[in-house]
């Protein structure tokens, strides 16, 4: 029996399998509006059998975009464009989700194929904000303005407004991005948070931004739908955010109505030494799941069907999220079902039936 292809219920939503499309920035939106590229990119993975499709890091404010090409949900036009995509995803049997984000000090960057460095304001960039006036460094040298409490409240209100637009657009799975060195992660880590007020210093203060944001979003997001959060479970750097802290934060987020933790790592400092290898982040998901008593998603160099099935079968995570492997093969779930001898096999779209008969 394949555990990877067992349905996964969460609140009123049931994934047809435990395979999800991890949020992947396409850097192809115009003024935050998604387009045909996103429809084809996400739609192909839904048609290929994914149970969950999470749209890329979607900025809640214009200045929260990583690049000028990033998607947004600060306007109704952006929600209407996303709704078109979500209708197609649902028609293919996938649950449509979106990851809400603010890039903080890592915003105002060029798209990766143009170098990915900070853009000067005169060349299409903008001023950045963060918990503290500390630059990321390397090719992202802009010194951000430290948010005051009014600025923090404005960002949190933007997350709530974006969640409401996501609901109107037909999203059924919401993820708060608190990983990879973006704004919420910047609050969590002592490496980027040097504040001395109630949003900085000790653990309880550093988690306050995310906990408050999750609480506010949960009030606006229907009880029937899952609310999740992506954490960088460790900074992989001495003096940074730790796995122990991630476990404790996961417990607190569960108390605020968060249903699942998407367990990633790193991204907050350019000097981190990350032990990249096959499934290298799976132990993070396993420990958070076991010690915080909350569902988790595993992500990071999960490529083979048996590997993914083992993760679920052994209780290391409830869901596996694939990124690069889905770029290589949009039909990965159909291929995995064959490799795992799933009976009855998932049914491909009828247009593709001859290829999978």
Protein backbone atom coordinates (compact mmCIF):
# COMPACT_ATOMS: atom_id res chain seq x y z
CA UNK A 1 0.00 0.00 0.00
CA UNK A 2 1.32 3.47 -0.91
CA UNK A 3 1.03 5.97 1.90
CA UNK A 4 1.96 8.77 -0.52
CA UNK A 5 -1.34 8.32 -2.33
CA UNK A 6 -3.55 8.16 0.75
CA UNK A 7 -5.95 11.12 0.98
CA UNK A 8 -5.03 13.82 3.51
CA UNK A 9 -7.90 15.60 5.29
CA UNK A 10 -7.25 18.96 6.97
CA UNK A 11 -10.27 20.82 8.31
CA UNK A 12 -12.87 20.56 5.54
CA UNK A 13 -10.31 20.13 2.75
CA UNK A 14 -9.08 16.73 1.58
CA UNK A 15 -6.03 16.37 -0.63
CA UNK A 16 -6.34 13.45 -3.06
CA UNK A 17 -2.76 12.47 -2.21
CA UNK A 18 0.16 13.68 -0.08
CA UNK A 19 2.00 15.39 -2.97
CA UNK A 20 2.08 19.17 -3.18
CA UNK A 21 3.63 21.74 -5.47
CA UNK A 22 5.91 23.89 -3.34
CA UNK A 23 5.61 27.67 -3.86
CA UNK A 24 8.08 28.62 -6.60
CA UNK A 25 8.64 32.22 -7.66
CA UNK A 26 8.27 32.67 -11.40
CA UNK A 27 9.20 36.39 -11.44
CA UNK A 28 6.79 36.80 -14.34
CA UNK A 29 3.91 38.90 -12.98
CA UNK A 30 3.22 42.43 -14.20
CA UNK A 31 2.42 44.92 -11.42
CA UNK A 32 1.75 41.89 -9.23
CA UNK A 33 -0.84 40.43 -11.62
CA UNK A 34 -0.40 36.78 -12.56
CA UNK A 35 -0.91 35.80 -16.20
CA UNK A 36 -0.85 32.99 -18.75
CA UNK A 37 2.60 31.86 -17.62
CA UNK A 38 1.28 31.16 -14.12
CA UNK A 39 -1.83 29.46 -15.47
CA UNK A 40 0.24 27.06 -17.56
CA UNK A 41 2.94 26.55 -14.90
CA UNK A 42 0.53 25.76 -12.06
CA UNK A 43 -2.15 24.18 -14.22
CA UNK A 44 0.24 21.64 -15.71
CA UNK A 45 1.15 20.35 -12.24
CA UNK A 46 -2.51 20.06 -11.27
CA UNK A 47 -3.21 18.12 -14.46
CA UNK A 48 -0.17 15.99 -13.64
CA UNK A 49 -1.79 14.73 -10.46
CA UNK A 50 -0.63 16.96 -7.59
CA UNK A 51 -3.01 16.97 -4.65
CA UNK A 52 -2.06 20.50 -3.61
CA UNK A 53 -0.78 23.40 -5.70
CA UNK A 54 0.55 26.39 -3.74
CA UNK A 55 1.05 29.56 -5.74
CA UNK A 56 4.36 31.37 -5.34
CA UNK A 57 5.33 33.85 -2.62
CA UNK A 58 2.67 36.50 -3.18
CA UNK A 59 3.37 39.93 -1.76
CA UNK A 60 0.84 41.61 0.50
CA UNK A 61 2.21 45.08 -0.35
CA UNK A 62 4.08 46.45 -3.39
CA UNK A 63 7.22 47.03 -1.34
CA UNK A 64 7.00 43.44 -0.11
CA UNK A 65 7.84 41.95 -3.51
CA UNK A 66 11.20 40.26 -3.90
CA UNK A 67 11.44 41.59 -7.46
CA UNK A 68 9.31 43.74 -9.75
CA UNK A 69 8.14 40.48 -11.35
CA UNK A 70 6.66 38.97 -8.20
CA UNK A 71 2.95 38.22 -7.75
CA UNK A 72 0.85 40.27 -5.35
CA UNK A 73 -2.52 40.31 -3.61
CA UNK A 74 -2.84 43.96 -2.60
CA UNK A 75 -5.44 44.70 -5.31
CA UNK A 76 -8.68 43.21 -6.57
CA UNK A 77 -7.24 42.94 -10.10
CA UNK A 78 -4.59 40.59 -8.75
CA UNK A 79 -7.26 38.50 -7.02
CA UNK A 80 -9.28 38.26 -10.24
CA UNK A 81 -6.24 36.96 -12.14
CA UNK A 82 -5.56 34.38 -9.43
CA UNK A 83 -9.20 33.29 -9.47
CA UNK A 84 -8.88 32.29 -13.12
CA UNK A 85 -5.93 30.04 -12.26
CA UNK A 86 -7.65 28.55 -9.23
CA UNK A 87 -10.72 27.58 -11.24
CA UNK A 88 -8.51 25.53 -13.54
CA UNK A 89 -6.60 23.91 -10.67
CA UNK A 90 -9.84 22.80 -9.02
CA UNK A 91 -11.18 21.48 -12.31
CA UNK A 92 -8.12 19.19 -12.44
CA UNK A 93 -8.76 17.86 -8.92
CA UNK A 94 -6.07 19.84 -7.06
CA UNK A 95 -6.57 22.01 -3.99
CA UNK A 96 -5.48 25.59 -4.82
CA UNK A 97 -3.34 27.40 -2.27
CA UNK A 98 -1.28 30.55 -2.03
CA UNK A 99 1.70 31.66 0.04
CA UNK A 100 1.40 35.20 1.42
CA UNK A 101 4.70 36.99 1.87
CA UNK A 102 6.65 40.16 2.49
CA UNK A 103 10.32 40.15 1.50
CA UNK A 104 11.50 42.78 3.98
CA UNK A 105 15.19 43.62 3.50
CA UNK A 106 15.48 41.13 0.62
CA UNK A 107 12.95 43.09 -1.47
CA UNK A 108 13.77 45.39 -4.41
CA UNK A 109 15.94 42.83 -6.19
CA UNK A 110 16.42 42.14 -9.87
CA UNK A 111 14.94 38.92 -11.25
CA UNK A 112 17.43 36.02 -11.03
CA UNK A 113 18.25 35.92 -14.75
CA UNK A 114 19.28 39.57 -14.46
CA UNK A 115 21.61 38.90 -11.55
CA UNK A 116 19.27 39.03 -8.54
CA UNK A 117 21.09 41.96 -6.90
CA UNK A 118 19.38 44.88 -5.24
CA UNK A 119 17.93 47.34 -7.74
CA UNK A 120 18.74 51.02 -7.20
CA UNK A 121 15.62 53.12 -6.79
CA UNK A 122 16.47 54.95 -10.00
CA UNK A 123 16.46 51.62 -11.87
CA UNK A 124 13.07 50.33 -10.73
CA UNK A 125 13.91 49.51 -7.12
CA UNK A 126 12.40 50.87 -3.91
CA UNK A 127 13.16 51.49 -0.25
CA UNK A 128 13.04 48.37 1.92
CA UNK A 129 11.89 47.76 5.49
CA UNK A 130 12.84 45.23 8.16
CA UNK A 131 12.73 44.70 11.92
CA UNK A 132 16.09 46.46 12.19
CA UNK A 133 18.28 48.64 9.99
CA UNK A 134 20.60 45.74 9.14
CA UNK A 135 21.37 44.86 5.52
CA UNK A 136 21.32 41.26 4.29
CA UNK A 137 24.71 41.77 2.64
CA UNK A 138 26.39 40.17 -0.34
CA UNK A 139 24.50 41.29 -3.48
CA UNK A 140 21.66 42.71 -1.34
CA UNK A 141 23.41 45.64 0.39
CA UNK A 142 20.49 48.05 0.87
CA UNK A 143 20.07 49.07 4.49
CA UNK A 144 16.38 48.76 5.31
CA UNK A 145 14.39 51.19 7.43
CA UNK A 146 13.43 49.70 10.79
CA UNK A 147 9.66 49.34 11.05
CA UNK A 148 8.01 51.25 13.86
CA UNK A 149 4.92 49.78 15.52
CA UNK A 150 2.60 51.65 13.16
CA UNK A 151 4.51 50.15 10.23
CA UNK A 152 4.27 46.68 11.74
CA UNK A 153 0.51 47.10 12.13
CA UNK A 154 0.21 48.22 8.50
CA UNK A 155 2.00 45.08 7.30
CA UNK A 156 -0.16 42.85 9.48
CA UNK A 157 -3.32 44.51 8.17
CA UNK A 158 -2.04 43.90 4.65
CA UNK A 159 -1.69 40.17 5.40
CA UNK A 160 -5.31 40.10 6.55
CA UNK A 161 -6.52 41.98 3.46
CA UNK A 162 -4.53 39.64 1.21
CA UNK A 163 -6.04 36.61 2.95
CA UNK A 164 -9.51 37.99 2.26
CA UNK A 165 -8.62 38.45 -1.40
CA UNK A 166 -7.20 34.92 -1.52
CA UNK A 167 -10.52 33.62 -0.25
CA UNK A 168 -12.43 35.63 -2.86
CA UNK A 169 -10.08 34.19 -5.50
CA UNK A 170 -10.99 30.62 -4.54
CA UNK A 171 -7.91 29.65 -2.55
CA UNK A 172 -8.59 26.80 -0.14
CA UNK A 173 -5.16 26.57 1.52
CA UNK A 174 -3.28 29.56 2.93
CA UNK A 175 0.39 29.64 3.86
CA UNK A 176 2.13 32.43 5.77
CA UNK A 177 5.74 32.76 4.61
CA UNK A 178 8.08 32.99 7.57
CA UNK A 179 11.16 31.43 6.01
CA UNK A 180 14.11 32.03 3.69
CA UNK A 181 15.13 35.34 5.23
CA UNK A 182 11.99 37.27 4.36
CA UNK A 183 10.29 39.73 6.71
CA UNK A 184 8.62 37.39 9.19
CA UNK A 185 11.76 35.25 9.42
CA UNK A 186 13.78 38.44 9.93
CA UNK A 187 11.73 39.10 13.07
CA UNK A 188 12.35 35.56 14.36
CA UNK A 189 16.13 35.50 14.04
CA UNK A 190 18.55 37.34 16.37
CA UNK A 191 20.83 37.70 13.34
CA UNK A 192 18.41 40.17 11.74
CA UNK A 193 16.30 41.36 14.67
CA UNK A 194 18.25 43.79 16.89
CA UNK A 195 15.21 45.51 18.38
CA UNK A 196 14.86 46.35 22.05
CA UNK A 197 11.07 46.87 22.10
CA UNK A 198 8.32 44.27 22.42
CA UNK A 199 9.12 42.90 18.93
CA UNK A 200 12.77 42.12 19.69
CA UNK A 201 15.11 40.62 22.25
CA UNK A 202 13.88 37.39 23.80
CA UNK A 203 12.06 34.53 22.10
CA UNK A 204 8.55 35.66 23.02
CA UNK A 205 9.19 39.11 21.58
CA UNK A 206 10.84 37.89 18.38
CA UNK A 207 7.92 35.56 17.57
CA UNK A 208 5.33 38.26 18.33
CA UNK A 209 5.06 39.53 14.73
CA UNK A 210 4.25 36.09 13.31
CA UNK A 211 1.99 35.02 16.17
CA UNK A 212 -0.03 38.23 15.95
CA UNK A 213 -0.22 37.96 12.17
CA UNK A 214 -1.38 34.35 12.32
CA UNK A 215 -4.02 35.25 14.91
CA UNK A 216 -5.35 38.12 12.81
CA UNK A 217 -5.36 36.07 9.60
CA UNK A 218 -7.06 33.13 11.32
CA UNK A 219 -9.91 35.45 12.35
CA UNK A 220 -10.35 36.53 8.71
CA UNK A 221 -9.79 33.10 7.16
CA UNK A 222 -12.75 30.66 7.46
CA UNK A 223 -12.57 27.98 10.12
CA UNK A 224 -13.32 25.38 7.46
CA UNK A 225 -10.08 26.08 5.55
CA UNK A 226 -6.48 25.21 6.49
CA UNK A 227 -4.05 27.88 7.62
CA UNK A 228 -0.39 26.90 7.45
CA UNK A 229 3.01 28.53 7.93
CA UNK A 230 6.39 27.97 6.31
CA UNK A 231 9.31 28.22 8.72
CA UNK A 232 13.03 28.16 8.18
CA UNK A 233 13.45 25.76 11.07
CA UNK A 234 17.11 26.69 11.50
CA UNK A 235 19.40 29.44 10.25
CA UNK A 236 22.29 26.94 10.07
CA UNK A 237 24.37 29.68 11.73
CA UNK A 238 25.66 30.11 15.28
CA UNK A 239 23.62 32.67 17.17
CA UNK A 240 20.67 32.38 14.78
CA UNK A 241 17.21 30.88 14.85
CA UNK A 242 17.22 27.25 15.99
CA UNK A 243 15.22 24.06 15.56
CA UNK A 244 14.40 24.09 19.29
CA UNK A 245 12.81 27.50 18.82
CA UNK A 246 10.91 26.28 15.76
CA UNK A 247 9.37 23.46 17.79
CA UNK A 248 8.23 25.87 20.49
CA UNK A 249 6.92 28.35 17.90
CA UNK A 250 5.01 25.56 16.16
CA UNK A 251 3.28 24.76 19.47
CA UNK A 252 2.24 28.37 19.84
CA UNK A 253 1.05 28.66 16.24
CA UNK A 254 -1.04 25.52 16.70
CA UNK A 255 -2.74 27.30 19.58
CA UNK A 256 -3.55 30.18 17.22
CA UNK A 257 -5.29 27.91 14.73
CA UNK A 258 -2.39 27.10 12.41
CA UNK A 259 -2.88 23.56 11.09
CA UNK A 260 0.43 22.61 9.47
CA UNK A 261 4.06 23.72 9.45
CA UNK A 262 5.91 23.65 6.13
CA UNK A 263 9.46 22.93 7.26
CA UNK A 264 12.26 24.55 5.28
CA UNK A 265 15.50 26.18 6.46
CA UNK A 266 18.14 28.85 5.87
CA UNK A 267 18.06 31.97 3.77
CA UNK A 268 18.47 34.65 6.43
CA UNK A 269 22.22 35.29 6.10
CA UNK A 270 24.46 34.81 3.07
CA UNK A 271 27.18 33.04 5.07
CA UNK A 272 25.15 30.04 6.30
CA UNK A 273 26.73 26.62 5.77
CA UNK A 274 23.79 24.44 4.73
CA UNK A 275 24.34 20.64 4.52
CA UNK A 276 22.42 20.23 1.27
CA UNK A 277 21.67 16.66 0.24
CA UNK A 278 18.80 14.32 -0.56
CA UNK A 279 15.94 14.97 1.88
CA UNK A 280 18.20 17.09 4.08
CA UNK A 281 15.28 19.00 5.64
CA UNK A 282 13.09 15.97 6.35
CA UNK A 283 14.47 15.56 9.92
CA UNK A 284 13.26 19.11 10.65
CA UNK A 285 9.71 18.22 9.65
CA UNK A 286 9.91 14.99 11.62
CA UNK A 287 10.97 16.67 14.84
CA UNK A 288 8.44 19.51 14.60
CA UNK A 289 5.68 16.97 13.91
CA UNK A 290 6.68 14.75 16.82
CA UNK A 291 7.42 17.36 19.47
CA UNK A 292 4.89 20.08 18.61
CA UNK A 293 2.07 17.68 17.82
CA UNK A 294 1.20 19.42 14.56
CA UNK A 295 1.03 18.23 10.95
CA UNK A 296 4.07 19.04 8.82
CA UNK A 297 5.15 19.23 5.21
CA UNK A 298 8.64 18.14 4.17
CA UNK A 299 10.48 19.91 1.37
CA UNK A 300 13.97 19.95 -0.09
CA UNK A 301 15.57 17.60 -2.63
CA UNK A 302 12.78 15.05 -2.48
CA UNK A 303 13.01 13.49 -5.93
CA UNK A 304 12.17 9.78 -5.94
CA UNK A 305 8.76 8.12 -5.41
CA UNK A 306 10.01 5.60 -2.84
CA UNK A 307 11.79 8.37 -0.95
CA UNK A 308 8.60 10.44 -0.78
CA UNK A 309 6.49 7.43 0.19
CA UNK A 310 8.89 6.52 2.99
CA UNK A 311 8.68 10.02 4.45
CA UNK A 312 4.92 9.69 4.83
CA UNK A 313 4.95 6.00 5.80
CA UNK A 314 7.50 6.55 8.55
CA UNK A 315 5.60 9.49 10.05
CA UNK A 316 8.28 12.03 9.26
CA UNK A 317 5.77 14.36 7.59
CA UNK A 318 2.15 14.35 6.48
CA UNK A 319 2.75 15.92 3.06
CA UNK A 320 5.75 16.17 0.74
CA UNK A 321 6.23 19.32 -1.32
CA UNK A 322 8.27 19.18 -4.51
CA UNK A 323 9.78 22.12 -6.37
CA UNK A 324 12.66 21.41 -8.75
CA UNK A 325 11.39 17.91 -9.46
CA UNK A 326 8.04 19.35 -10.53
CA UNK A 327 9.86 21.73 -12.86
CA UNK A 328 11.56 18.73 -14.44
CA UNK A 329 8.39 16.64 -14.62
CA UNK A 330 4.91 18.16 -14.22
CA UNK A 331 3.50 14.60 -14.26
CA UNK A 332 5.64 13.38 -11.36
CA UNK A 333 2.63 12.10 -9.34
CA UNK A 334 1.46 9.93 -12.25
CA UNK A 335 4.96 8.54 -12.67
CA UNK A 336 5.26 7.97 -8.91
CA UNK A 337 1.97 6.06 -8.84
CA UNK A 338 3.32 3.67 -11.46
CA UNK A 339 6.61 3.22 -9.61
CA UNK A 340 4.75 2.49 -6.37
CA UNK A 341 2.22 0.17 -8.07
CA UNK A 342 -0.74 2.18 -6.79
CA UNK A 343 -4.06 0.36 -7.29
CA UNK A 344 -6.26 1.71 -8.66
CA UNK A 345 -3.89 4.15 -10.35
CA UNK A 346 -4.78 7.85 -10.47
CA UNK A 347 -6.63 8.81 -13.61
CA UNK A 348 -4.86 11.33 -15.85
CA UNK A 349 -6.85 13.94 -17.76
CA UNK A 350 -8.73 12.25 -20.60
CA UNK A 351 -6.75 14.33 -23.10
CA UNK A 352 -3.62 12.46 -21.91
CA UNK A 353 -5.24 9.07 -21.40
CA UNK A 354 -3.60 7.39 -24.38
CA UNK A 355 -0.14 8.20 -23.02
CA UNK A 356 -0.89 6.65 -19.61
CA UNK A 357 -3.09 3.74 -20.67
